[in-house]
Protein backbone atom coordinates (compact mmCIF):
# COMPACT_ATOMS: atom_id res chain seq x y z
CA UNK A 1 -67.03 62.40 82.52
CA UNK A 2 -70.68 63.45 83.78
CA UNK A 3 -72.08 60.62 81.97
CA UNK A 4 -69.96 58.16 83.82
CA UNK A 5 -70.63 59.24 87.04
CA UNK A 6 -74.43 59.72 86.32
CA UNK A 7 -74.03 55.84 85.18
CA UNK A 8 -71.93 54.71 88.58
CA UNK A 9 -74.68 57.17 90.79
CA UNK A 10 -77.55 55.04 88.93
CA UNK A 11 -76.09 51.67 89.35
CA UNK A 12 -75.41 52.08 93.18
CA UNK A 13 -78.92 53.12 93.65
CA UNK A 14 -79.94 50.11 91.86
CA UNK A 15 -77.99 47.89 94.13
CA UNK A 16 -79.35 49.66 97.27
CA UNK A 17 -82.90 49.55 96.36
CA UNK A 18 -82.27 45.76 95.32
CA UNK A 19 -80.73 44.97 98.44
CA UNK A 20 -83.63 46.45 100.35
CA UNK A 21 -85.87 44.41 98.72
CA UNK A 22 -84.08 41.45 99.50
CA UNK A 23 -83.45 41.74 103.03
CA UNK A 24 -87.45 42.28 103.34
CA UNK A 25 -88.02 39.59 101.47
CA UNK A 26 -85.64 36.81 102.36
CA UNK A 27 -84.81 38.12 105.69
CA UNK A 28 -82.56 35.83 108.24
CA UNK A 29 -82.71 33.27 105.42
CA UNK A 30 -80.01 34.37 103.55
CA UNK A 31 -76.37 32.80 104.13
CA UNK A 32 -74.52 34.64 106.90
CA UNK A 33 -71.52 32.63 106.57
CA UNK A 34 -70.95 29.79 104.16
CA UNK A 35 -67.58 28.70 103.49
CA UNK A 36 -68.79 27.20 99.99
CA UNK A 37 -70.74 30.19 98.85
CA UNK A 38 -67.07 32.18 99.78
CA UNK A 39 -64.82 30.10 97.74
CA UNK A 40 -66.82 30.28 94.87
CA UNK A 41 -67.34 33.77 95.22
CA UNK A 42 -63.58 34.35 95.34
CA UNK A 43 -62.67 32.35 92.22
CA UNK A 44 -65.44 34.20 90.53
CA UNK A 45 -64.01 37.63 91.64
CA UNK A 46 -60.47 36.40 90.55
CA UNK A 47 -61.62 35.53 86.86
CA UNK A 48 -63.55 38.40 86.55
CA UNK A 49 -60.51 40.62 87.18
CA UNK A 50 -58.26 38.62 85.21
CA UNK A 51 -60.98 39.26 82.13
CA UNK A 52 -61.62 42.61 83.13
CA UNK A 53 -57.91 43.82 83.30
CA UNK A 54 -57.36 42.22 80.36
CA UNK A 55 -59.95 44.31 78.52
CA UNK A 56 -58.85 47.25 80.22
CA UNK A 57 -55.03 46.82 78.50
CA UNK A 58 -56.17 46.51 75.48
CA UNK A 59 -58.64 49.39 74.96
CA UNK A 60 -55.68 51.74 76.77
CA UNK A 61 -53.51 50.47 74.18
CA UNK A 62 -55.58 50.89 71.39
CA UNK A 63 -56.35 54.66 72.99
CA UNK A 64 -52.59 55.54 73.31
CA UNK A 65 -51.81 54.26 69.26
CA UNK A 66 -54.69 56.53 68.05
CA UNK A 67 -53.20 59.38 69.51
CA UNK A 68 -49.55 58.33 68.48
CA UNK A 69 -50.60 57.66 65.09
CA UNK A 70 -52.56 61.14 64.97
CA UNK A 71 -49.43 63.15 65.74
CA UNK A 72 -47.28 61.08 63.48
CA UNK A 73 -49.56 61.63 60.44
CA UNK A 74 -50.10 65.24 61.46
CA UNK A 75 -45.95 65.59 61.39
CA UNK A 76 -46.13 63.82 58.36
CA UNK A 77 -48.22 66.23 56.73
CA UNK A 78 -46.69 69.14 57.79
CA UNK A 79 -43.30 68.21 56.82
CA UNK A 80 -45.18 67.70 53.17
CA UNK A 81 -46.11 71.11 53.13
CA UNK A 82 -43.13 72.87 54.12
CA UNK A 83 -40.98 71.04 52.24
CA UNK A 84 -42.92 71.48 49.25
CA UNK A 85 -42.27 74.88 49.62
CA UNK A 86 -38.55 74.29 47.94
CA UNK A 87 -40.57 72.88 44.87
CA UNK A 88 -41.09 74.85 41.76
CA UNK A 89 -44.10 75.66 40.26
CA UNK A 90 -46.85 74.02 40.17
CA UNK A 91 -46.06 71.61 42.20
CA UNK A 92 -45.43 73.56 45.18
CA UNK A 93 -48.54 75.49 45.24
CA UNK A 94 -50.37 71.86 44.18
CA UNK A 95 -48.63 70.16 47.24
CA UNK A 96 -49.25 72.83 49.58
CA UNK A 97 -52.96 73.23 48.93
CA UNK A 98 -53.13 69.74 48.94
CA UNK A 99 -51.38 69.38 52.58
CA UNK A 100 -54.03 72.32 54.16
CA UNK A 101 -56.99 70.65 52.40
CA UNK A 102 -56.37 67.21 54.01
CA UNK A 103 -55.63 68.31 57.43
CA UNK A 104 -59.04 70.45 57.35
CA UNK A 105 -61.02 67.51 56.39
CA UNK A 106 -59.33 65.16 58.23
CA UNK A 107 -59.95 67.70 61.46
CA UNK A 108 -63.36 68.97 60.54
CA UNK A 109 -65.08 66.40 58.51
CA UNK A 110 -63.37 62.86 58.60
CA UNK A 111 -62.85 63.00 62.82
CA UNK A 112 -66.54 63.39 63.70
CA UNK A 113 -67.27 60.54 61.08
CA UNK A 114 -64.89 58.44 62.57
CA UNK A 115 -66.72 58.53 65.68
CA UNK A 116 -69.17 56.06 63.77
CA UNK A 117 -66.71 54.18 62.31
CA UNK A 118 -66.88 55.95 58.82
CA UNK A 119 -63.82 58.00 57.14
CA UNK A 120 -64.01 60.69 54.67
CA UNK A 121 -63.58 60.32 51.16
CA UNK A 122 -62.32 63.58 49.90
CA UNK A 123 -59.45 63.38 52.64
CA UNK A 124 -58.54 59.71 50.70
CA UNK A 125 -58.55 61.91 47.21
CA UNK A 126 -56.22 64.56 48.83
CA UNK A 127 -53.66 62.19 49.74
CA UNK A 128 -53.70 60.06 46.47
CA UNK A 129 -53.40 63.40 44.60
CA UNK A 130 -50.23 64.09 46.65
CA UNK A 131 -48.46 60.88 45.57
CA UNK A 132 -49.56 61.93 41.77
CA UNK A 133 -48.41 65.62 42.43
CA UNK A 134 -44.81 64.66 43.85
CA UNK A 135 -44.74 61.91 40.72
CA UNK A 136 -45.22 64.45 38.21
CA UNK A 137 -42.25 66.41 39.04
CA UNK A 138 -38.98 65.62 37.01
CA UNK A 139 -36.08 67.30 38.92
CA UNK A 140 -32.96 68.32 36.76
CA UNK A 141 -30.40 68.14 39.84
CA UNK A 142 -29.28 66.45 43.06
CA UNK A 143 -31.10 68.79 44.97
CA UNK A 144 -34.69 68.37 43.52
CA UNK A 145 -34.23 64.68 43.29
CA UNK A 146 -33.48 64.89 47.40
CA UNK A 147 -36.51 67.04 47.82
CA UNK A 148 -38.72 64.55 45.34
CA UNK A 149 -37.41 61.60 47.59
CA UNK A 150 -38.34 63.27 50.82
CA UNK A 151 -42.12 64.36 50.40
CA UNK A 152 -42.54 61.08 48.56
CA UNK A 153 -41.51 59.20 51.87
CA UNK A 154 -43.55 61.82 53.66
CA UNK A 155 -46.58 60.80 51.28
CA UNK A 156 -46.09 57.51 52.30
CA UNK A 157 -45.68 57.61 56.06
CA UNK A 158 -48.63 59.90 55.97
CA UNK A 159 -50.51 56.86 54.15
CA UNK A 160 -49.49 54.56 56.67
CA UNK A 161 -49.83 56.55 59.69
CA UNK A 162 -53.71 57.22 58.33
CA UNK A 163 -54.16 53.56 57.70
CA UNK A 164 -53.16 52.61 61.57
CA UNK A 165 -55.46 55.55 62.80
CA UNK A 166 -58.42 55.02 60.98
CA UNK A 167 -58.29 50.98 62.28
CA UNK A 168 -58.61 52.36 65.55
CA UNK A 169 -61.90 53.81 65.01
CA UNK A 170 -64.02 50.47 65.49
CA UNK A 171 -63.59 49.35 68.95
CA UNK A 172 -61.49 46.59 70.09
CA UNK A 173 -63.64 44.90 72.19
CA UNK A 174 -66.09 42.12 70.38
CA UNK A 175 -69.42 41.41 71.42
CA UNK A 176 -69.15 38.05 72.99
CA UNK A 177 -66.50 39.76 75.50
CA UNK A 178 -68.96 42.40 76.52
CA UNK A 179 -71.16 39.72 77.17
CA UNK A 180 -68.99 38.15 79.21
CA UNK A 181 -67.86 41.63 80.89
CA UNK A 182 -71.74 42.44 81.64
CA UNK A 183 -72.71 38.62 82.74
CA UNK A 184 -69.43 38.60 84.99
CA UNK A 185 -70.29 41.96 86.67
CA UNK A 186 -73.83 41.14 87.32
CA UNK A 187 -72.60 37.42 88.91
CA UNK A 188 -69.63 39.43 90.99
CA UNK A 189 -72.48 42.08 92.21
CA UNK A 190 -74.85 39.09 92.86
CA UNK A 191 -72.75 37.10 94.76
CA UNK A 192 -72.47 40.44 97.15
CA UNK A 193 -76.45 40.50 97.48
CA UNK A 194 -76.77 36.91 98.29
CA UNK A 195 -74.73 37.34 102.11
CA UNK A 196 -76.23 38.69 105.07
CA UNK A 197 -74.31 40.86 106.94
CA UNK A 198 -76.08 41.49 109.94
CA UNK A 199 -76.27 45.55 109.48
CA UNK A 200 -78.22 46.19 106.32
CA UNK A 201 -76.69 49.67 106.12
CA UNK A 202 -73.13 48.46 105.95
CA UNK A 203 -73.69 45.77 103.19
CA UNK A 204 -75.79 48.79 100.99
CA UNK A 205 -72.58 50.65 101.37
CA UNK A 206 -70.28 47.92 100.64
CA UNK A 207 -72.16 46.36 97.80
CA UNK A 208 -72.83 49.73 96.28
CA UNK A 209 -69.11 50.63 96.08
CA UNK A 210 -68.37 47.34 94.45
CA UNK A 211 -71.33 48.02 91.89
CA UNK A 212 -70.67 51.26 91.32
CA UNK A 213 -66.85 50.46 90.69
CA UNK A 214 -67.72 48.26 88.16
CA UNK A 215 -70.15 50.05 86.56
CA UNK A 216 -67.51 53.36 86.26
CA UNK A 217 -64.91 50.96 85.16
CA UNK A 218 -67.14 49.38 82.47
CA UNK A 219 -67.95 52.69 81.46
CA UNK A 220 -64.34 53.90 80.91
CA UNK A 221 -63.70 50.68 79.19
CA UNK A 222 -66.60 51.63 76.55
CA UNK A 223 -65.42 54.97 76.01
CA UNK A 224 -61.60 54.17 75.47
CA UNK A 225 -62.89 51.20 73.08
CA UNK A 226 -64.06 54.39 70.98
CA UNK A 227 -61.00 56.46 70.78
CA UNK A 228 -62.36 59.21 68.61
CA UNK A 229 -65.96 59.60 70.46
CA UNK A 230 -66.88 60.22 73.75
CA UNK A 231 -65.59 62.83 76.60
CA UNK A 232 -62.23 61.10 77.45
CA UNK A 233 -61.84 60.40 73.46
CA UNK A 234 -58.91 61.62 70.86
CA UNK A 235 -59.35 64.61 69.65
CA UNK A 236 -58.07 66.77 66.14
CA UNK A 237 -55.86 68.39 68.07
CA UNK A 238 -52.52 67.03 66.36
CA UNK A 239 -53.97 68.38 62.89
CA UNK A 240 -55.57 71.74 64.34
CA UNK A 241 -52.07 72.71 65.48
CA UNK A 242 -50.85 71.83 61.74
CA UNK A 243 -53.38 74.26 60.22
CA UNK A 244 -52.20 76.72 62.70
CA UNK A 245 -48.39 76.40 61.29
CA UNK A 246 -49.96 76.45 57.80
CA UNK A 247 -51.70 79.58 58.56
CA UNK A 248 -49.19 81.04 60.35
CA UNK A 249 -46.34 80.53 57.34
CA UNK A 250 -48.27 80.60 54.14
């Protein structure tokens, strides 16, 4: 959050400085009231608002999906661990150890790696080994068959949730859209600097406020576009909670 405030403050200061320079250089030659310029400015503002709203909704949905899939995956791993307690040896300890190892690897190793778009090979190996272990179990009664089916379903759901979680590690905003956002923001702020308001202080306040709001919004888009990194990213809280339950009920 501090970085966002710094970006906002720096943008506002830069716009104020540019406006002072323009005022000294152009003086009264700037347009005081031009209908054509006002119409173009309104059109640019509307188009940019639509583009920015679309991107904000997209990154917000990505961030929300990352939180939901992480929670679902942690719940599936927890179900594997506690259901495995009803299995005979050696599948009982094997699945419990794999579930615990997977949760710890995701929380401590894979989560920092996802900030750079990477994953943990160890976590992949653990979840693959779970399926091998449960398929090695050959139940001799109906109860055993039900337990095997439940754990196998949980493993498959873990794989699906993991795939959905890791797919959100990269930003949904492509480079070409970032170019449009930055160019649109520069054009919008540039239009506000081109008009003359008669009172420089009032114009500095208005233009700096617009530029600061746009800068903070773009900072939010950048932060939320990487849901597993940054100060407002999704943390491994769901897996940390599950690990605590594993230790509480060994």
